[in-house]
Amino acid sequence: MAYTISIKPFLGAPSSDGSSLGFLQSSSKLYIPCLRLPARRSQSKRLEIQAAGSSYGTYFRVTTFGESHGGGVGCVIDGCPPRLPLSEADMQVDLDRRRPGQSRITTPRKETDTCRIASGIADGLTTGSPIKVEVPNTDQRSNDYSEMSLAYRPSHADATYDFKYGVRSVQGGGRSSARETIGRVAAGAVAKKILNQYSGTEIIAYVSQVHKVVLPEDLVDHETLTLDQIENNIVRCPNPEYAEKMIAAIDAVRVRGDSVGGVVTCIVRNVPRGLGSPVFDKLEAELAKAVMSLPATKGFEFGSGFAGTFMTGSEHNDEFYMEGNSRIRTKTNRSGGIQGGISNGEIINMRIGFKPTSTISRKQSTVTRDKHETELIARGRHDPCVVPRAVPMVEAAVALVLVDQLMAQYAQCMLFPINPALQESMELNKQEPVQVPH
């Protein structure tokens, strides 16, 4: 590409005969070379939103898409291992646990949340190519959000989305809606299946607190806890007595048009040793990032959590012992199954705090988009407490972290024969070879 150089006058330029080294000419003007770049054709300005922050994972990478009241939502899963038996039914179980309209203590919005796999499957097996999962929206009521297009809902993402992008999807909160988590739950179901088939890993979450109703830890045995115990009631608390108390607490605020928060506890059994890395990519740090990216989350505790700050080192340390002749275990598990950012094979346990639902049908003071103070009574259909439906969301977030870390560990530390004196196989649950159709 050709360029031209022209001479521009500027104060302090050398004389035209070159005798001056930058002093003033009689005209009091300097001349310096100026590089002229070829002119670029003008382009019309376009309003664009860069959808950064919609993907998670390195080896098992998931990108979610869609808005609450758009045409649909879903995800693209890139990096899923080939030859995994997979169908829509594998995802639908958890999507049904997440869907709205399950009971009187959830939003009355009626969505079947029926998923469809659009790519990445052949003859019932994953092919190793990207898997696209789609779920249509069928029960939109965009008119419910007419007032919210003018005024910001307190403690919601309406204002901050405008602050960041200068434009937003008003109906249902767009990407800030919990409906975005459909893609995470669908991908999480795939991740859970990989973990279970490869290493026998089980991820189970349950509601341990609603508002001021707190389930005592000693009433739940994490060694024997089953999904049936959790799914036995609409609030997803494994203790029937406390489940009734939690349901009553939600009912009390529901009829007043208000909301309450709560806590979801998540455990992981049969975790391979060695997942996670020191320093920045500690396993508990990755878990915290994943679960705290879920809507309405406000707190994260791992292992002993903040209660551990009241202990001494001798009280808190997990002493080692030998189980049998070769397996090292810990007598207690205040570390929560992770030490130095790396899984030690014990049960991983964590607790995630969820705030009360932001959108409520009680009058609140707010500000309009054109910066006038006003009052707002939000319409629409919303959960009086998010924690019962958050249970499968938490499981999915944890599964996405663990399968990504499992693949990272296999890539780095399992290429060559392991050191059997110190390491053990991650493949705890041996599977029969999959028969690939010819």
Protein backbone atom coordinates (compact mmCIF):
# COMPACT_ATOMS: atom_id res chain seq x y z
CA MET A 1 0.00 0.00 0.00
CA ALA A 2 1.43 3.41 -1.00
CA TYR A 3 1.84 6.24 1.49
CA THR A 4 2.65 9.93 0.86
CA ILE A 5 4.61 12.33 3.04
CA SER A 6 3.73 15.98 3.12
CA ILE A 7 5.28 18.91 4.96
CA LYS A 8 3.15 20.60 7.61
CA PRO A 9 4.08 23.92 9.20
CA PHE A 10 4.78 23.80 12.93
CA LEU A 11 6.49 26.09 15.39
CA GLY A 12 10.26 25.51 15.56
CA ALA A 13 10.83 23.75 12.19
CA PRO A 14 14.28 23.87 10.50
CA SER A 15 14.84 26.28 7.62
CA SER A 16 14.13 25.20 4.09
CA ASP A 17 17.87 24.99 3.23
CA GLY A 18 18.44 22.59 6.11
CA SER A 19 20.94 24.89 7.85
CA SER A 20 18.80 25.28 10.95
CA LEU A 21 18.36 22.43 13.44
CA GLY A 22 14.92 23.18 14.59
CA PHE A 23 15.08 26.92 15.32
CA LEU A 24 12.46 29.49 14.40
CA GLN A 25 12.14 30.63 10.82
CA SER A 26 11.34 34.21 10.04
CA SER A 27 7.75 33.12 9.54
CA SER A 28 7.74 31.70 13.10
CA LYS A 29 6.63 28.34 11.75
CA LEU A 30 8.19 24.92 11.95
CA TYR A 31 7.84 22.16 9.39
CA ILE A 32 7.75 18.48 10.31
CA PRO A 33 7.12 15.43 8.14
CA CYS A 34 3.55 14.14 8.38
CA LEU A 35 2.59 10.60 7.39
CA ARG A 36 -0.68 10.46 5.47
CA LEU A 37 -2.54 7.18 5.87
CA PRO A 38 -5.08 6.12 3.27
CA ALA A 39 -8.55 7.24 4.22
CA ARG A 40 -10.90 4.51 5.46
CA ARG A 41 -14.36 4.35 4.12
CA SER A 42 -16.87 5.65 6.61
CA GLN A 43 -18.97 3.02 8.29
CA SER A 44 -22.40 3.55 9.69
CA LYS A 45 -22.53 3.25 13.45
CA ARG A 46 -24.23 0.13 14.72
CA LEU A 47 -25.66 -0.56 18.17
CA GLU A 48 -23.95 -3.73 19.35
CA ILE A 49 -23.81 -5.66 22.62
CA GLN A 50 -20.78 -7.90 23.01
CA ALA A 51 -22.07 -11.03 24.76
CA ALA A 52 -18.98 -11.54 26.88
CA GLY A 53 -19.32 -13.67 30.00
CA SER A 54 -21.72 -16.26 28.57
CA SER A 55 -19.24 -19.17 28.52
CA TYR A 56 -17.62 -21.34 31.19
CA GLY A 57 -14.94 -24.04 31.08
CA THR A 58 -11.68 -24.75 29.26
CA TYR A 59 -11.85 -28.40 28.16
CA PHE A 60 -15.60 -28.90 28.65
CA ARG A 61 -16.80 -25.47 27.52
CA VAL A 62 -20.42 -24.37 27.81
CA THR A 63 -22.01 -21.28 26.28
CA THR A 64 -25.61 -20.39 27.14
CA PHE A 65 -27.89 -18.24 25.00
CA GLY A 66 -31.37 -16.71 24.97
CA GLU A 67 -33.54 -14.34 27.01
CA SER A 68 -36.41 -14.92 29.39
CA HIS A 69 -39.11 -13.76 26.94
CA GLY A 70 -37.31 -14.32 23.64
CA GLY A 71 -37.86 -17.19 21.26
CA GLY A 72 -36.04 -19.67 23.45
CA VAL A 73 -32.98 -20.49 25.53
CA GLY A 74 -30.32 -23.18 25.52
CA CYS A 75 -26.63 -23.95 25.35
CA VAL A 76 -23.77 -25.14 23.19
CA ILE A 77 -21.44 -27.72 24.76
CA ASP A 78 -18.00 -27.92 23.20
CA GLY A 79 -15.48 -30.57 24.23
CA CYS A 80 -17.84 -33.35 25.29
CA PRO A 81 -16.03 -36.67 24.94
CA PRO A 82 -17.23 -38.85 22.05
CA ARG A 83 -19.10 -42.16 22.43
CA LEU A 84 -21.11 -41.10 25.50
CA PRO A 85 -24.68 -42.45 25.30
CA LEU A 86 -26.87 -39.34 25.42
CA SER A 87 -30.45 -38.34 24.67
CA GLU A 88 -32.90 -35.58 25.56
CA ALA A 89 -34.24 -37.76 28.38
CA ASP A 90 -30.90 -37.50 30.20
CA MET A 91 -31.29 -33.71 30.37
CA GLN A 92 -35.07 -33.58 30.84
CA VAL A 93 -34.95 -35.06 34.34
CA ASP A 94 -33.01 -32.08 35.72
CA LEU A 95 -34.85 -29.57 33.52
CA ASP A 96 -38.12 -30.80 35.05
CA ARG A 97 -36.66 -30.23 38.52
CA ARG A 98 -35.75 -26.66 37.51
CA ARG A 99 -38.83 -25.69 35.53
CA PRO A 100 -41.42 -23.13 36.75
CA GLY A 101 -44.94 -23.98 37.84
CA GLN A 102 -43.99 -27.03 39.93
CA SER A 103 -45.97 -26.07 43.03
CA ARG A 104 -47.61 -23.20 44.88
CA ILE A 105 -44.22 -22.07 46.28
CA THR A 106 -42.71 -21.47 42.82
CA THR A 107 -43.54 -19.07 40.01
CA PRO A 108 -46.86 -19.96 38.30
CA ARG A 109 -45.38 -19.46 34.83
CA LYS A 110 -46.26 -22.56 32.79
CA GLU A 111 -43.36 -23.88 30.74
CA THR A 112 -42.72 -27.53 29.91
CA ASP A 113 -39.05 -26.72 29.25
CA THR A 114 -38.87 -29.56 26.74
CA CYS A 115 -35.37 -29.73 25.30
CA ARG A 116 -34.19 -30.71 21.85
CA ILE A 117 -30.66 -31.74 20.91
CA ALA A 118 -29.91 -30.08 17.57
CA SER A 119 -26.34 -31.33 16.96
CA GLY A 120 -23.49 -33.44 18.26
CA ILE A 121 -25.33 -36.78 18.51
CA ALA A 122 -25.32 -39.72 16.11
CA ASP A 123 -27.07 -43.03 16.75
CA GLY A 124 -27.56 -42.11 20.40
CA LEU A 125 -23.87 -41.37 21.04
CA THR A 126 -21.96 -38.11 21.31
CA THR A 127 -19.68 -37.51 18.33
CA GLY A 128 -17.17 -35.17 19.95
CA SER A 129 -18.51 -32.19 18.01
CA PRO A 130 -20.43 -29.28 19.65
CA ILE A 131 -23.77 -30.24 21.17
CA LYS A 132 -26.52 -27.66 20.79
CA VAL A 133 -29.51 -27.88 23.12
CA GLU A 134 -32.61 -25.76 22.50
CA VAL A 135 -35.63 -25.06 24.75
CA PRO A 136 -38.45 -22.86 23.38
CA ASN A 137 -40.25 -20.22 25.43
CA THR A 138 -44.00 -20.82 25.19
CA ASP A 139 -45.63 -18.81 28.00
CA GLN A 140 -44.40 -15.24 27.61
CA ARG A 141 -46.41 -12.32 28.96
CA SER A 142 -44.42 -9.32 27.81
CA ASN A 143 -47.17 -6.88 28.83
CA ASP A 144 -46.43 -7.70 32.48
CA TYR A 145 -43.21 -5.75 32.09
CA SER A 146 -44.56 -2.51 30.63
CA GLU A 147 -44.02 -0.54 33.87
CA MET A 148 -40.54 -2.06 34.28
CA SER A 149 -39.52 -0.72 30.88
CA LEU A 150 -39.82 2.74 32.43
CA ALA A 151 -38.73 2.15 36.06
CA TYR A 152 -35.97 0.11 37.64
CA ARG A 153 -36.89 -2.76 39.96
CA PRO A 154 -35.02 -2.35 43.28
CA SER A 155 -32.09 -4.78 43.72
CA HIS A 156 -32.61 -6.21 40.23
CA ALA A 157 -30.21 -5.99 37.29
CA ASP A 158 -32.35 -3.48 35.35
CA ALA A 159 -30.29 -0.43 36.28
CA THR A 160 -26.84 -2.01 36.06
CA TYR A 161 -27.59 -3.47 32.60
CA ASP A 162 -28.45 0.03 31.43
CA PHE A 163 -25.33 1.43 33.10
CA LYS A 164 -23.18 -1.10 31.26
CA TYR A 165 -24.79 -1.56 27.84
CA GLY A 166 -27.09 1.45 27.35
CA VAL A 167 -29.80 -0.94 26.17
CA ARG A 168 -31.45 -4.05 27.58
CA SER A 169 -34.11 -6.68 27.10
CA VAL A 170 -36.85 -5.45 29.42
CA GLN A 171 -39.21 -8.42 29.37
CA GLY A 172 -38.49 -10.85 32.19
CA GLY A 173 -35.06 -9.36 32.85
CA GLY A 174 -33.51 -10.78 29.68
CA ARG A 175 -30.20 -12.49 30.43
CA SER A 176 -30.41 -11.65 34.14
CA SER A 177 -33.45 -13.91 34.46
CA ALA A 178 -33.06 -17.32 36.07
CA ARG A 179 -34.46 -18.70 32.84
CA GLU A 180 -30.92 -18.40 31.44
CA THR A 181 -29.94 -21.27 33.75
CA ILE A 182 -31.81 -23.76 31.56
CA GLY A 183 -28.68 -23.97 29.42
CA ARG A 184 -26.51 -24.57 32.49
CA VAL A 185 -28.81 -27.29 33.82
CA ALA A 186 -28.92 -29.07 30.45
CA ALA A 187 -25.12 -28.97 30.16
CA GLY A 188 -24.79 -29.93 33.82
CA ALA A 189 -26.83 -33.07 33.20
CA VAL A 190 -24.31 -34.12 30.56
CA ALA A 191 -21.44 -33.33 32.93
CA LYS A 192 -23.05 -35.35 35.73
CA LYS A 193 -23.43 -38.34 33.44
CA ILE A 194 -19.77 -38.20 32.41
CA LEU A 195 -18.64 -37.95 36.05
CA ASN A 196 -20.87 -40.78 37.20
CA GLN A 197 -19.96 -43.15 34.40
CA TYR A 198 -16.23 -42.44 34.58
CA SER A 199 -15.58 -42.17 38.31
CA GLY A 200 -18.85 -42.96 40.10
CA THR A 201 -19.11 -39.34 41.22
CA GLU A 202 -22.48 -38.24 42.68
CA ILE A 203 -23.55 -34.61 43.06
CA ILE A 204 -26.49 -33.97 45.39
CA ALA A 205 -27.89 -30.62 46.55
CA TYR A 206 -30.73 -29.82 48.93
CA VAL A 207 -32.37 -26.90 50.73
CA SER A 208 -30.90 -26.45 54.21
CA GLN A 209 -32.44 -23.09 55.10
CA VAL A 210 -35.46 -20.97 54.18
CA HIS A 211 -35.52 -17.53 55.78
CA LYS A 212 -35.17 -18.23 59.54
CA VAL A 213 -35.87 -21.96 59.34
CA VAL A 214 -32.46 -23.66 59.53
CA LEU A 215 -32.03 -27.42 59.12
CA PRO A 216 -29.53 -28.69 61.76
CA GLU A 217 -26.51 -30.29 60.08
CA ASP A 218 -26.64 -33.40 62.26
CA LEU A 219 -30.07 -34.34 60.85
CA VAL A 220 -28.61 -35.15 57.42
CA ASP A 221 -26.20 -38.04 56.80
CA HIS A 222 -24.13 -37.09 53.77
CA GLU A 223 -22.83 -40.64 53.44
CA THR A 224 -26.28 -42.10 52.80
CA LEU A 225 -28.36 -39.13 51.55
CA THR A 226 -30.41 -39.99 48.44
CA LEU A 227 -32.11 -37.96 45.72
CA ASP A 228 -35.45 -39.56 46.64
CA GLN A 229 -35.23 -38.10 50.15
CA ILE A 230 -34.75 -34.64 48.68
CA GLU A 231 -37.40 -34.89 45.98
CA ASN A 232 -39.96 -36.19 48.47
CA ASN A 233 -41.36 -32.68 49.09
CA ILE A 234 -41.85 -29.45 47.15
CA VAL A 235 -39.18 -27.48 49.02
CA ARG A 236 -36.44 -30.12 48.47
CA CYS A 237 -35.43 -30.49 52.10
CA PRO A 238 -34.49 -34.08 53.06
CA ASN A 239 -36.02 -33.80 56.54
CA PRO A 240 -39.86 -33.96 56.42
CA GLU A 241 -40.36 -32.02 59.68
CA TYR A 242 -38.20 -29.08 58.61
CA ALA A 243 -39.58 -29.26 55.07
CA GLU A 244 -43.04 -28.43 56.42
CA LYS A 245 -41.64 -25.50 58.40
CA MET A 246 -39.89 -24.16 55.30
CA ILE A 247 -43.02 -24.47 53.16
CA ALA A 248 -45.01 -22.58 55.81
CA ALA A 249 -42.39 -19.81 55.84
CA ILE A 250 -42.64 -19.41 52.06
CA ASP A 251 -46.44 -19.47 52.13
CA ALA A 252 -46.48 -16.72 54.75
CA VAL A 253 -44.63 -14.25 52.52
CA ARG A 254 -46.17 -15.46 49.26
CA VAL A 255 -49.67 -14.34 50.23
CA ARG A 256 -48.31 -10.91 51.18
CA GLY A 257 -46.62 -10.42 47.81
CA ASP A 258 -43.18 -10.61 49.40
CA SER A 259 -40.22 -13.00 49.17
CA VAL A 260 -37.55 -14.73 51.28
CA GLY A 261 -34.12 -16.20 50.68
CA GLY A 262 -32.35 -19.32 51.88
CA VAL A 263 -29.40 -21.68 51.60
CA VAL A 264 -28.65 -24.64 49.33
CA THR A 265 -26.16 -27.25 50.58
CA CYS A 266 -24.34 -29.33 47.96
CA ILE A 267 -22.25 -32.45 48.50
CA VAL A 268 -20.14 -34.48 46.08
CA ARG A 269 -19.34 -38.13 46.77
CA ASN A 270 -16.71 -40.36 45.13
CA VAL A 271 -14.62 -37.45 43.94
CA PRO A 272 -11.36 -38.46 42.19
CA ARG A 273 -8.26 -37.30 44.02
CA GLY A 274 -6.12 -34.67 42.34
CA LEU A 275 -8.76 -32.38 40.82
CA GLY A 276 -7.89 -28.68 40.92
CA SER A 277 -4.60 -26.82 40.89
CA PRO A 278 -2.58 -24.72 43.33
CA VAL A 279 -2.64 -20.90 43.39
CA PHE A 280 -5.22 -19.28 41.05
CA ASP A 281 -7.12 -22.38 39.89
CA LYS A 282 -7.85 -23.93 43.29
CA LEU A 283 -10.83 -26.27 43.06
CA GLU A 284 -12.83 -24.42 45.72
CA ALA A 285 -12.13 -21.13 43.92
CA GLU A 286 -13.52 -22.56 40.67
CA LEU A 287 -16.56 -23.92 42.51
CA ALA A 288 -17.14 -20.54 44.13
CA LYS A 289 -17.00 -18.77 40.77
CA ALA A 290 -19.44 -21.20 39.18
CA VAL A 291 -22.09 -21.22 41.90
CA MET A 292 -21.78 -17.49 42.61
CA SER A 293 -22.51 -16.79 38.95
CA LEU A 294 -26.02 -18.21 39.47
CA PRO A 295 -28.79 -15.61 39.80
CA ALA A 296 -29.61 -14.33 43.33
CA THR A 297 -26.50 -15.80 45.00
CA LYS A 298 -25.03 -13.75 47.84
CA GLY A 299 -22.77 -16.05 49.84
CA PHE A 300 -20.51 -19.11 49.61
CA GLU A 301 -19.14 -21.32 52.36
CA PHE A 302 -16.86 -24.28 51.90
CA GLY A 303 -16.10 -27.05 54.39
CA SER A 304 -16.14 -25.56 57.89
CA GLY A 305 -16.77 -22.13 56.34
CA PHE A 306 -16.98 -19.16 58.68
CA ALA A 307 -17.57 -21.48 61.65
CA GLY A 308 -13.97 -22.57 61.27
CA THR A 309 -12.81 -19.10 62.24
CA PHE A 310 -13.91 -19.81 65.82
CA MET A 311 -11.66 -22.90 66.08
CA THR A 312 -8.01 -23.37 66.86
CA GLY A 313 -5.69 -25.22 64.51
CA SER A 314 -5.73 -28.31 66.70
CA GLU A 315 -9.53 -28.29 66.64
CA HIS A 316 -9.82 -27.64 62.91
CA ASN A 317 -7.11 -29.87 61.39
CA ASP A 318 -8.26 -33.08 59.67
CA GLU A 319 -5.96 -35.81 60.97
CA PHE A 320 -4.95 -38.59 58.58
CA TYR A 321 -5.34 -42.33 59.11
CA MET A 322 -4.92 -45.49 57.04
CA GLU A 323 -8.03 -47.19 55.69
CA GLY A 324 -6.95 -50.75 55.01
CA ASN A 325 -3.38 -51.16 53.87
CA SER A 326 -3.05 -48.49 51.21
CA ARG A 327 -5.72 -45.75 51.20
CA ILE A 328 -5.11 -42.53 53.14
CA ARG A 329 -8.23 -40.92 54.64
CA THR A 330 -9.01 -38.08 57.06
CA LYS A 331 -10.78 -38.65 60.39
CA THR A 332 -12.79 -35.43 60.02
CA ASN A 333 -13.69 -33.35 56.97
CA ARG A 334 -13.54 -29.69 57.99
CA SER A 335 -11.48 -29.07 54.84
CA GLY A 336 -14.57 -29.96 52.80
CA GLY A 337 -12.79 -32.52 50.62
CA ILE A 338 -10.22 -30.06 49.25
CA GLN A 339 -6.78 -29.21 50.62
CA GLY A 340 -4.33 -26.85 48.93
CA GLY A 341 -6.87 -26.35 46.15
CA ILE A 342 -6.79 -30.08 45.24
CA SER A 343 -9.44 -32.73 45.97
CA ASN A 344 -8.38 -35.32 48.55
CA GLY A 345 -11.09 -37.92 47.87
CA GLU A 346 -13.33 -37.04 50.83
CA ILE A 347 -16.88 -35.72 50.40
CA ILE A 348 -16.87 -32.19 48.99
CA ASN A 349 -19.42 -29.99 50.74
CA MET A 350 -20.43 -26.36 50.28
CA ARG A 351 -23.28 -23.98 51.08
CA ILE A 352 -24.64 -21.24 48.83
CA GLY A 353 -26.75 -18.36 50.13
CA PHE A 354 -29.56 -16.96 47.97
CA LYS A 355 -31.18 -13.58 48.56
CA PRO A 356 -34.95 -12.98 48.55
CA THR A 357 -36.35 -12.69 45.02
CA SER A 358 -35.95 -9.08 43.85
CA THR A 359 -39.21 -8.79 41.95
CA ILE A 360 -42.09 -8.55 44.41
CA SER A 361 -45.65 -7.28 44.10
CA ARG A 362 -45.42 -4.74 46.92
CA LYS A 363 -45.07 -0.99 46.37
CA GLN A 364 -41.46 0.19 46.39
CA SER A 365 -39.65 3.48 45.77
CA THR A 366 -37.49 3.60 42.68
CA VAL A 367 -36.26 5.77 39.80
CA THR A 368 -37.31 5.84 36.15
CA ARG A 369 -34.94 5.41 33.22
CA ASP A 370 -35.23 9.15 32.57
CA LYS A 371 -34.11 9.81 36.19
CA HIS A 372 -37.31 10.73 38.01
CA GLU A 373 -38.26 9.31 41.40
CA THR A 374 -41.41 7.19 41.39
CA GLU A 375 -43.09 4.16 42.94
CA LEU A 376 -43.39 0.71 41.41
CA ILE A 377 -45.59 -2.33 41.94
CA ALA A 378 -44.02 -5.05 39.84
CA ARG A 379 -46.26 -7.39 37.93
CA GLY A 380 -45.35 -10.74 36.44
CA ARG A 381 -44.90 -14.24 37.85
CA HIS A 382 -42.03 -14.78 40.22
CA ASP A 383 -40.80 -17.23 42.85
CA PRO A 384 -41.52 -16.18 46.45
CA CYS A 385 -38.33 -18.11 47.29
CA VAL A 386 -35.77 -19.21 44.71
CA VAL A 387 -34.02 -21.96 46.67
CA PRO A 388 -36.26 -24.97 45.82
CA ARG A 389 -35.66 -24.45 42.09
CA ALA A 390 -32.02 -23.49 42.66
CA VAL A 391 -31.15 -27.03 43.79
CA PRO A 392 -30.64 -28.48 40.26
CA MET A 393 -28.92 -25.24 39.21
CA VAL A 394 -26.30 -25.65 41.95
CA GLU A 395 -25.77 -29.30 41.02
CA ALA A 396 -25.24 -28.30 37.39
CA ALA A 397 -22.74 -25.55 38.23
CA VAL A 398 -20.72 -27.94 40.40
CA ALA A 399 -20.81 -30.64 37.71
CA LEU A 400 -19.49 -28.23 35.06
CA VAL A 401 -16.51 -27.39 37.26
CA LEU A 402 -15.71 -30.99 38.16
CA VAL A 403 -15.90 -32.40 34.63
CA ASP A 404 -13.68 -29.59 33.35
CA GLN A 405 -11.18 -30.27 36.13
CA LEU A 406 -11.37 -34.03 35.52
CA MET A 407 -10.43 -33.51 31.87
CA ALA A 408 -7.63 -31.13 32.87
CA GLN A 409 -6.24 -33.64 35.36
CA TYR A 410 -6.37 -36.43 32.81
CA ALA A 411 -4.61 -34.29 30.21
CA GLN A 412 -1.80 -33.21 32.53
CA CYS A 413 -1.21 -36.10 34.92
CA MET A 414 -2.54 -39.26 33.26
CA LEU A 415 -0.72 -39.30 29.91
CA PHE A 416 2.03 -41.49 31.35
CA PRO A 417 1.72 -44.37 33.85
CA ILE A 418 0.80 -43.11 37.31
CA ASN A 419 2.98 -43.53 40.37
CA PRO A 420 0.98 -46.25 42.19
CA ALA A 421 2.81 -45.61 45.46
CA LEU A 422 1.24 -42.13 45.67
CA GLN A 423 -1.52 -41.94 43.07
CA GLU A 424 -4.66 -43.92 42.29
CA SER A 425 -6.72 -44.30 39.16
CA MET A 426 -9.50 -41.76 38.71
CA GLU A 427 -11.53 -44.42 36.90
CA LEU A 428 -13.32 -45.71 39.98
CA ASN A 429 -16.35 -47.04 38.14
CA LYS A 430 -15.21 -49.25 35.28
CA GLN A 431 -17.58 -49.25 32.34
CA GLU A 432 -18.20 -51.82 29.64
CA PRO A 433 -17.02 -50.67 26.21
CA VAL A 434 -19.71 -48.85 24.26
CA GLN A 435 -20.81 -50.68 21.14
CA VAL A 436 -20.58 -48.23 18.25
CA PRO A 437 -23.01 -49.01 15.39
CA HIS A 438 -21.40 -49.78 12.04
